[in-house]
Amino acid sequence: MEHTPRVLAVIIMDADGNRLVAKYYPVAAGGRTFQAGGETAYEKKLFKKTKHNHAAAVDSDAVMLDGCVAIFRARGDTFLYVVGAGHENELLLDTVLEGLFVALTILLDGSIESRYVLSNLDIVMLAVDELVDQGKILEVEPKTIANRVLMRGVDRSEERRDRKSVV
């Protein structure tokens, strides 16, 4: 039986553990799901376990919590998490997190702080939607995610011009 990697949740929290953005995805039968109301409790436990990890400011880190693996990274006063089932490949989840982190850095002009996330919530939510859909990983290339969010490169002539200017 073939295993398709899946993401259970993408969560962004502020320095106090308050939810800024959270997208939870249903999984196939037999997989881990979050109960209504259980999402907030999971976020509180997750933040409590990760809030003092200063290594995550430079690079991502991983924790196991309630049978799930959570890859996280902190930037300023913002924590970004990608959560997968306990059997998911941590490197793959880290790649998803890195794609989100760099795409948001591009889209928010290098400042991933809670006030910028909240003031640009539409852009952040679109970036998450371009990254993962229904738990399936769609795209991890940050420039592609940013271009899709900003609706660049939609028509091929514009895409060719962008390529010429980059090269």
Foldseek 3Di string as FASTA:
>chain_A
DDDAAFWQKKFKAFLVLHTLDMDGFDDDPPFDHADVVSVSVQSVVVCVVPNPPPVLQPAWDWDDDPQKIWIWHDHDGMIIIIIGGNPHDPVVSRLLVQLLVVLVCVVQVNDPHSVSCNVPVLLSVQLVCCQDDNGHGRDRHSVVSNCVSVVACVDVVRVVVVVVVVD
